[in-house]
Protein backbone atom coordinates (compact mmCIF):
# COMPACT_ATOMS: atom_id res chain seq x y z
CA PRO A 1 0.02 -0.01 0.00
CA PRO A 2 1.17 3.60 -0.52
CA LEU A 3 3.01 5.27 2.32
CA PRO A 4 1.00 7.79 4.42
CA LEU A 5 1.69 11.46 3.87
CA ARG A 6 2.39 12.17 7.52
CA PRO A 7 6.20 12.57 7.08
CA THR A 8 5.60 15.19 4.37
CA ARG A 9 3.12 17.02 6.50
CA TRP A 10 5.49 16.86 9.45
CA ARG A 11 8.33 18.30 7.36
CA ALA A 12 6.04 21.13 6.16
CA ALA A 13 5.01 21.88 9.76
CA VAL A 14 8.66 22.01 10.88
CA ALA A 15 9.53 24.34 8.01
CA ALA A 16 6.60 26.63 8.84
CA SER A 17 7.60 26.64 12.53
CA ARG A 18 11.18 27.60 11.64
CA ARG A 19 9.98 30.44 9.47
CA SER A 20 7.75 31.87 12.21
CA LYS A 21 10.57 31.60 14.80
CA SER A 22 12.81 33.46 12.38
CA ARG A 23 10.25 36.18 11.78
CA PHE A 24 9.64 36.51 15.55
CA GLU A 25 13.35 36.95 16.33
CA ARG A 26 14.19 39.17 13.35
CA ALA A 27 11.40 41.51 14.31
CA GLY A 28 12.70 41.80 17.80
CA GLY A 29 10.21 39.54 19.55
CA VAL A 30 6.87 40.19 17.89
CA LEU A 31 4.65 38.06 15.65
CA LYS A 32 1.13 38.44 14.34
CA VAL A 33 -0.99 35.35 13.65
CA GLN A 34 -4.23 35.62 11.62
CA GLN A 35 -7.27 33.33 12.29
CA TRP A 36 -6.02 32.04 15.62
CA LEU A 37 -9.14 29.92 16.25
CA PRO A 38 -11.38 27.90 13.87
CA PRO A 39 -14.63 29.75 13.09
CA GLY A 40 -16.75 27.71 15.51
CA ALA A 41 -14.32 28.20 18.42
CA PHE A 42 -14.04 31.88 17.69
CA LYS A 43 -17.83 32.24 17.77
CA THR A 44 -17.88 30.62 21.25
CA VAL A 45 -15.17 32.86 22.71
CA LEU A 46 -16.70 35.99 21.21
CA SER A 47 -20.05 35.15 22.84
CA GLU A 48 -18.34 34.68 26.17
CA ALA A 49 -16.52 38.02 25.84
CA ARG A 50 -19.73 39.87 24.95
CA ASP A 51 -21.46 38.37 27.97
CA LEU A 52 -18.61 39.60 30.21
CA THR A 53 -18.83 43.15 28.89
CA LYS A 54 -22.58 43.22 29.58
CA ARG A 55 -21.95 42.48 33.23
CA GLY A 56 -19.90 45.61 33.56
CA LEU A 57 -16.27 46.59 33.13
CA LEU A 58 -13.93 48.30 35.60
CA GLU A 59 -11.45 51.15 35.42
CA GLU A 60 -7.90 49.74 35.37
CA ARG A 61 -5.31 50.36 38.01
CA SER A 62 -1.47 50.39 37.54
CA THR A 63 -1.42 50.84 33.82
CA ILE A 64 0.02 53.28 31.27
CA ALA A 65 -3.07 52.90 29.10
CA VAL A 66 -5.49 55.84 28.99
CA GLY A 67 -9.23 55.41 29.08
CA ARG A 68 -9.27 51.63 28.93
CA ILE A 69 -11.66 49.46 30.94
CA GLY A 70 -11.78 45.74 31.52
CA THR A 71 -12.30 42.74 33.73
CA GLY A 72 -10.83 39.32 34.47
CA VAL A 73 -11.70 36.29 32.33
CA PRO A 74 -12.82 33.38 34.50
CA PRO A 75 -10.71 30.19 34.43
CA GLY A 76 -12.53 27.31 32.80
CA THR A 77 -14.09 29.39 30.03
CA ALA A 78 -13.36 28.76 26.39
CA LEU A 79 -11.71 32.14 26.11
CA HIS A 80 -9.36 31.48 29.01
CA GLU A 81 -8.44 28.09 27.56
CA ALA A 82 -7.83 29.64 24.11
CA LEU A 83 -5.07 31.85 25.49
CA VAL A 84 -3.38 29.89 28.29
CA GLY A 85 -4.51 26.30 27.85
CA GLN A 86 -2.09 23.44 27.16
CA GLU A 87 -2.93 23.33 23.50
CA THR A 88 -2.24 27.02 23.20
CA THR A 89 1.15 26.81 24.91
CA ARG A 90 2.08 23.97 22.57
CA ARG A 91 1.07 25.92 19.50
CA ILE A 92 2.97 29.02 20.61
CA ARG A 93 6.04 27.00 21.51
CA ASP A 94 6.06 25.77 17.91
CA LEU A 95 5.65 29.34 16.64
CA VAL A 96 8.39 31.02 18.67
CA GLY A 97 10.62 28.21 19.95
CA LEU A 98 10.04 28.71 23.64
CA GLU A 99 8.86 26.26 26.30
CA LEU A 100 6.09 28.26 28.04
CA GLU A 101 3.60 27.88 30.90
CA ALA A 102 0.69 29.81 32.35
CA THR A 103 1.33 32.38 35.09
CA PRO A 104 -0.54 33.74 38.12
CA VAL A 105 -1.52 36.83 36.12
CA PRO A 106 -5.23 36.57 35.17
CA VAL A 107 -6.40 36.60 31.58
CA GLU A 108 -7.98 39.96 31.06
CA LEU A 109 -10.73 41.31 28.83
CA ARG A 110 -10.00 44.90 27.76
CA LEU A 111 -12.16 47.44 25.96
CA TYR A 112 -10.81 50.51 24.18
CA ARG A 113 -13.31 53.29 23.58
CA PRO A 114 -13.05 56.69 21.92
CA GLY A 115 -10.18 58.56 23.56
CA SER A 116 -8.47 55.35 24.74
CA ARG A 117 -4.85 54.85 23.85
CA MET A 118 -1.59 53.28 24.89
CA ASP A 119 1.56 55.21 24.03
CA TRP A 120 4.91 53.83 22.86
CA HIS A 121 6.36 51.44 25.47
CA ARG A 122 8.06 48.12 26.14
CA ASP A 123 6.31 45.64 28.43
CA VAL A 124 8.03 45.29 31.78
CA SER A 125 9.43 41.86 32.44
CA LEU A 126 7.78 40.28 35.50
CA PHE A 127 10.01 37.19 35.56
CA SER A 128 13.67 36.29 35.60
CA ARG A 129 13.28 35.59 31.87
CA PRO A 130 10.93 37.81 29.88
CA GLN A 131 7.32 36.65 29.50
CA LEU A 132 5.43 36.46 26.24
CA GLU A 133 2.35 38.74 26.05
CA LEU A 134 -0.64 37.59 23.97
CA ILE A 135 -3.01 40.22 22.52
CA TYR A 136 -6.08 38.54 21.01
CA THR A 137 -8.57 40.73 19.14
CA LEU A 138 -12.24 39.78 19.52
CA GLU A 139 -13.97 42.78 17.89
CA ASN A 140 -12.69 45.96 16.29
CA SER A 141 -14.89 48.68 14.86
CA SER A 142 -12.36 51.42 15.67
CA ASP A 143 -9.99 53.53 13.64
CA SER A 144 -7.12 52.67 15.99
CA VAL A 145 -3.91 50.89 14.89
CA THR A 146 -1.52 48.69 16.83
CA GLU A 147 2.09 49.40 15.78
CA TRP A 148 5.59 48.18 16.70
CA ILE A 149 9.14 48.98 15.70
CA ASP A 150 10.73 46.23 13.63
CA ALA A 151 14.13 45.53 15.17
CA ALA A 152 15.67 44.41 11.87
CA THR A 153 14.64 47.40 9.75
CA GLY A 154 13.65 50.11 12.24
CA ALA A 155 10.37 50.46 10.37
CA VAL A 156 7.00 51.04 12.03
CA CYS A 157 4.87 47.94 11.36
CA GLY A 158 1.35 46.91 12.20
CA GLY A 159 -2.08 48.40 11.51
CA PRO A 160 -5.66 47.59 12.43
CA THR A 161 -6.04 44.34 14.40
CA GLU A 162 -8.63 42.01 12.83
CA PRO A 163 -11.01 39.86 14.89
CA ASN A 164 -9.52 36.44 15.63
CA SER A 165 -5.98 37.72 15.18
CA LEU A 166 -3.28 37.18 17.81
CA ILE A 167 -0.18 39.28 18.41
CA LEU A 168 2.70 37.76 20.41
CA VAL A 169 5.04 40.31 22.08
CA ARG A 170 8.16 39.58 24.11
CA ALA A 171 8.49 41.67 27.24
CA GLY A 172 11.66 43.20 28.65
CA GLU A 173 14.43 45.42 27.31
CA HIS A 174 14.88 43.22 24.25
CA GLY A 175 11.17 43.27 23.41
CA PRO A 176 9.73 45.62 20.76
CA MET A 177 8.54 49.16 21.34
CA HIS A 178 4.79 49.21 20.54
CA ARG A 179 1.70 51.26 20.97
CA VAL A 180 -2.12 51.46 20.38
CA SER A 181 -3.11 54.76 18.72
CA ALA A 182 -5.91 56.84 20.20
CA LEU A 183 -9.42 55.86 19.12
CA ARG A 184 -11.52 58.58 17.53
CA ARG A 185 -14.46 56.36 16.85
CA GLY A 186 -15.68 52.76 17.43
CA GLU A 187 -14.50 50.26 19.99
CA ARG A 188 -11.83 47.56 20.19
CA LEU A 189 -12.35 44.50 22.36
CA ILE A 190 -9.29 42.35 23.13
CA ALA A 191 -8.20 39.62 25.56
CA LYS A 192 -4.71 39.78 27.08
CA ALA A 193 -2.71 36.97 28.64
CA LEU A 194 0.84 36.13 29.68
CA LEU A 195 2.89 32.97 29.27
CA ALA A 196 6.28 32.69 30.96
CA PRO A 197 9.28 30.51 30.13
CA VAL A 198 9.12 27.26 32.01
CA GLY A 199 10.93 27.60 35.32
CA ALA A 200 11.17 31.40 35.25
CA GLU A 201 10.92 33.02 38.69
CA VAL A 202 9.08 36.19 39.66
CA ALA A 203 11.50 39.07 39.32
CA ASP A 204 9.65 41.78 41.23
CA PRO A 205 6.89 40.75 43.73
CA ASP A 206 5.47 44.30 43.84
CA LEU A 207 5.04 44.41 40.05
CA MET A 208 3.52 40.92 40.10
CA ALA A 209 1.07 41.94 42.82
CA ALA A 210 -0.01 44.95 40.72
CA ALA A 211 -0.41 42.80 37.62
CA THR A 212 -2.62 40.25 39.42
CA ALA A 213 -4.90 42.93 40.95
CA ARG A 214 -5.33 45.29 38.00
CA TYR A 215 -9.11 45.55 38.42
CA GLN A 216 -9.39 45.15 42.18
CA GLY A 217 -10.75 48.35 43.60
CA GLY A 218 -11.24 49.84 40.16
CA ARG A 219 -14.30 52.09 39.73
CA PRO A 220 -17.05 50.58 37.63
CA ARG A 221 -17.27 52.02 34.14
CA GLN A 222 -20.08 51.40 31.67
CA SER A 223 -19.43 50.59 28.01
CA SER A 224 -21.98 51.28 25.31
CA ARG A 225 -22.57 47.49 25.40
CA THR A 226 -23.47 47.56 29.08
CA ARG A 227 -25.86 50.48 28.64
CA ALA A 228 -27.51 48.78 25.68
CA ALA A 229 -27.95 45.56 27.69
CA GLN A 230 -29.42 47.47 30.63
CA GLY A 231 -31.80 49.33 28.37
CA GLN A 232 -32.99 46.13 26.82
CA SER A 233 -33.49 44.64 30.29
CA SER A 234 -35.56 47.68 31.35
CA ARG A 235 -37.80 47.42 28.25
CA THR A 236 -38.28 43.73 28.92
CA ARG A 237 -39.41 44.38 32.48
CA ALA A 238 -41.71 47.16 31.38
C-alpha cells in the first residue's frame, strides 16, 4: 500500500515553525498570527466576551493605558483556555521556539473606547526571563492601529487588528517598542494573557502583585454594550 503522507506534513510543519521563529526573532520579539481559532471556536469565545462586557467593566489600576476598561476572564471558560490552555502553549512553543507555561497573572478582557490609547512602550518583564504577552482581538470597529518597531529594519509595522488575530510580544528590554493609537471612533475589544518561560521566577513581587490585581478596587465604568444591555432589560421588565 502507498505510504502515508504524515512525514511530508510533518516536514512542512517543521519548516513553517522555523519560518515563524525566524520572523519573531528578526522583528525583535513580535509576531502576528491571523485566524487564531477555527470559526466555531471563535464564535464561542466571542459570545463569552460579549457576555462579560454586559456584566460591567472596571477602570484599570497600575497601567500606562489611557481610558481603557476591563475585567478578568474566569478560568474554565473557552476564552481562558484559548489563551493559556495546554494546546495554546504547545502551538505558541512551535511558533516562537520557547517552552512556556501559564502564570498567576489573570487573563484579562480589555475594551478601548473613543479617547483610549496606549503610548509607545516596552512591556516590563515580571520574571527572571521575559514573559510572552498575547493580545487577542475579539472585535474591532475602531480607527485605531496597533504598531511596533521592527528591530531588523527600524520600520514602524502593524495596523488595524482584525477579529480572531493574535499578536505575540516579548516583554523586557529586548522586546519591541509598541503602541495602540488613540481611538476617535468605534471600539476595540481584546483579551490579554501572559505566558512565561518554564521555570522562570518572579523578578519583582510588587510588580507581580499589581499585575494580578489590576481591576481590584477599580471604579465601575459602563461601556456602550453595558448601557444597551441594561436598556434592553428595562424594556423587557416594562
